[in-house]
Protein backbone atom coordinates (compact mmCIF):
# COMPACT_ATOMS: atom_id res chain seq x y z
CA UNK A 1 0.00 0.00 0.00
CA UNK A 2 2.87 2.43 0.73
CA UNK A 3 4.21 1.97 -2.81
CA UNK A 4 0.83 2.96 -4.28
CA UNK A 5 0.80 6.13 -2.17
CA UNK A 6 4.31 6.99 -3.32
CA UNK A 7 3.36 6.48 -6.97
CA UNK A 8 0.21 8.58 -6.50
CA UNK A 9 2.32 11.35 -4.98
CA UNK A 10 4.74 11.30 -7.90
CA UNK A 11 1.85 11.32 -10.38
CA UNK A 12 0.26 14.29 -8.61
CA UNK A 13 3.55 16.18 -8.67
CA UNK A 14 3.99 15.51 -12.39
CA UNK A 15 0.43 16.66 -13.05
CA UNK A 16 1.10 19.86 -11.12
CA UNK A 17 4.26 20.60 -13.09
CA UNK A 18 2.35 20.03 -16.34
CA UNK A 19 -0.29 22.54 -15.22
CA UNK A 20 2.45 25.06 -14.46
CA UNK A 21 4.02 24.53 -17.90
CA UNK A 22 0.64 25.06 -19.56
CA UNK A 23 0.04 28.25 -17.54
CA UNK A 24 3.41 29.62 -18.60
CA UNK A 25 2.69 28.82 -22.22
CA UNK A 26 -0.75 30.47 -22.09
CA UNK A 27 0.66 33.55 -20.37
CA UNK A 28 3.38 33.84 -23.00
CA UNK A 29 0.72 33.71 -25.70
CA UNK A 30 -1.25 36.42 -23.90
CA UNK A 31 1.83 38.63 -23.64
CA UNK A 32 2.49 38.20 -27.36
CA UNK A 33 -0.94 39.52 -28.40
CA UNK A 34 -1.25 42.94 -29.95
CA UNK A 35 -2.97 45.75 -28.09
CA UNK A 36 -5.88 45.43 -30.49
CA UNK A 37 -6.24 41.71 -29.82
CA UNK A 38 -6.08 42.34 -26.07
CA UNK A 39 -8.78 44.98 -26.34
CA UNK A 40 -11.05 42.45 -28.08
CA UNK A 41 -11.57 40.79 -24.72
CA UNK A 42 -11.19 43.91 -22.58
CA UNK A 43 -7.65 43.25 -21.40
CA UNK A 44 -5.08 46.01 -21.21
CA UNK A 45 -1.35 45.70 -21.90
CA UNK A 46 -0.75 46.32 -18.17
CA UNK A 47 -3.08 43.46 -17.22
CA UNK A 48 -1.38 41.16 -19.73
CA UNK A 49 2.01 42.15 -18.31
CA UNK A 50 0.82 41.43 -14.75
CA UNK A 51 -0.48 38.02 -15.81
CA UNK A 52 2.76 37.21 -17.65
CA UNK A 53 4.84 37.99 -14.55
CA UNK A 54 2.61 36.13 -12.11
CA UNK A 55 4.27 33.02 -10.63
CA UNK A 56 3.02 29.82 -12.27
CA UNK A 57 1.82 28.42 -8.97
CA UNK A 58 -0.65 31.30 -8.71
CA UNK A 59 -3.62 30.39 -10.87
C-alpha atoms as a PDB file:
ATOM      1  CA  UNK A   1       0.000   0.000   0.000  1.00  0.00           C
ATOM      2  CA  UNK A   2       2.866   2.425   0.726  1.00  0.00           C
ATOM      3  CA  UNK A   3       4.207   1.971  -2.814  1.00  0.00           C
ATOM      4  CA  UNK A   4       0.828   2.965  -4.279  1.00  0.00           C
ATOM      5  CA  UNK A   5       0.801   6.132  -2.166  1.00  0.00           C
ATOM      6  CA  UNK A   6       4.306   6.987  -3.321  1.00  0.00           C
ATOM      7  CA  UNK A   7       3.359   6.482  -6.968  1.00  0.00           C
ATOM      8  CA  UNK A   8       0.211   8.583  -6.502  1.00  0.00           C
ATOM      9  CA  UNK A   9       2.319  11.354  -4.975  1.00  0.00           C
ATOM     10  CA  UNK A  10       4.743  11.305  -7.900  1.00  0.00           C
ATOM     11  CA  UNK A  11       1.850  11.320 -10.383  1.00  0.00           C
ATOM     12  CA  UNK A  12       0.256  14.294  -8.609  1.00  0.00           C
ATOM     13  CA  UNK A  13       3.554  16.181  -8.671  1.00  0.00           C
ATOM     14  CA  UNK A  14       3.993  15.513 -12.392  1.00  0.00           C
ATOM     15  CA  UNK A  15       0.426  16.664 -13.050  1.00  0.00           C
ATOM     16  CA  UNK A  16       1.096  19.856 -11.121  1.00  0.00           C
ATOM     17  CA  UNK A  17       4.261  20.603 -13.095  1.00  0.00           C
ATOM     18  CA  UNK A  18       2.351  20.027 -16.338  1.00  0.00           C
ATOM     19  CA  UNK A  19      -0.292  22.539 -15.215  1.00  0.00           C
ATOM     20  CA  UNK A  20       2.455  25.060 -14.462  1.00  0.00           C
ATOM     21  CA  UNK A  21       4.015  24.525 -17.904  1.00  0.00           C
ATOM     22  CA  UNK A  22       0.643  25.059 -19.557  1.00  0.00           C
ATOM     23  CA  UNK A  23       0.038  28.248 -17.542  1.00  0.00           C
ATOM     24  CA  UNK A  24       3.411  29.619 -18.600  1.00  0.00           C
ATOM     25  CA  UNK A  25       2.689  28.819 -22.218  1.00  0.00           C
ATOM     26  CA  UNK A  26      -0.751  30.472 -22.086  1.00  0.00           C
ATOM     27  CA  UNK A  27       0.660  33.548 -20.366  1.00  0.00           C
ATOM     28  CA  UNK A  28       3.382  33.836 -23.003  1.00  0.00           C
ATOM     29  CA  UNK A  29       0.717  33.708 -25.703  1.00  0.00           C
ATOM     30  CA  UNK A  30      -1.250  36.423 -23.903  1.00  0.00           C
ATOM     31  CA  UNK A  31       1.828  38.635 -23.637  1.00  0.00           C
ATOM     32  CA  UNK A  32       2.487  38.196 -27.364  1.00  0.00           C
ATOM     33  CA  UNK A  33      -0.937  39.517 -28.399  1.00  0.00           C
ATOM     34  CA  UNK A  34      -1.253  42.935 -29.952  1.00  0.00           C
ATOM     35  CA  UNK A  35      -2.966  45.747 -28.087  1.00  0.00           C
ATOM     36  CA  UNK A  36      -5.882  45.433 -30.486  1.00  0.00           C
ATOM     37  CA  UNK A  37      -6.244  41.707 -29.815  1.00  0.00           C
ATOM     38  CA  UNK A  38      -6.081  42.340 -26.068  1.00  0.00           C
ATOM     39  CA  UNK A  39      -8.781  44.980 -26.345  1.00  0.00           C
ATOM     40  CA  UNK A  40     -11.051  42.446 -28.078  1.00  0.00           C
ATOM     41  CA  UNK A  41     -11.574  40.792 -24.720  1.00  0.00           C
ATOM     42  CA  UNK A  42     -11.192  43.912 -22.575  1.00  0.00           C
ATOM     43  CA  UNK A  43      -7.645  43.250 -21.404  1.00  0.00           C
ATOM     44  CA  UNK A  44      -5.076  46.010 -21.209  1.00  0.00           C
ATOM     45  CA  UNK A  45      -1.353  45.701 -21.903  1.00  0.00           C
ATOM     46  CA  UNK A  46      -0.751  46.321 -18.172  1.00  0.00           C
ATOM     47  CA  UNK A  47      -3.079  43.456 -17.217  1.00  0.00           C
ATOM     48  CA  UNK A  48      -1.380  41.165 -19.733  1.00  0.00           C
ATOM     49  CA  UNK A  49       2.014  42.154 -18.308  1.00  0.00           C
ATOM     50  CA  UNK A  50       0.823  41.433 -14.751  1.00  0.00           C
ATOM     51  CA  UNK A  51      -0.483  38.024 -15.811  1.00  0.00           C
ATOM     52  CA  UNK A  52       2.762  37.214 -17.652  1.00  0.00           C
ATOM     53  CA  UNK A  53       4.839  37.993 -14.551  1.00  0.00           C
ATOM     54  CA  UNK A  54       2.612  36.131 -12.109  1.00  0.00           C
ATOM     55  CA  UNK A  55       4.267  33.025 -10.627  1.00  0.00           C
ATOM     56  CA  UNK A  56       3.021  29.822 -12.272  1.00  0.00           C
ATOM     57  CA  UNK A  57       1.818  28.418  -8.971  1.00  0.00           C
ATOM     58  CA  UNK A  58      -0.654  31.300  -8.712  1.00  0.00           C
ATOM     59  CA  UNK A  59      -3.622  30.391 -10.868  1.00  0.00           C
END
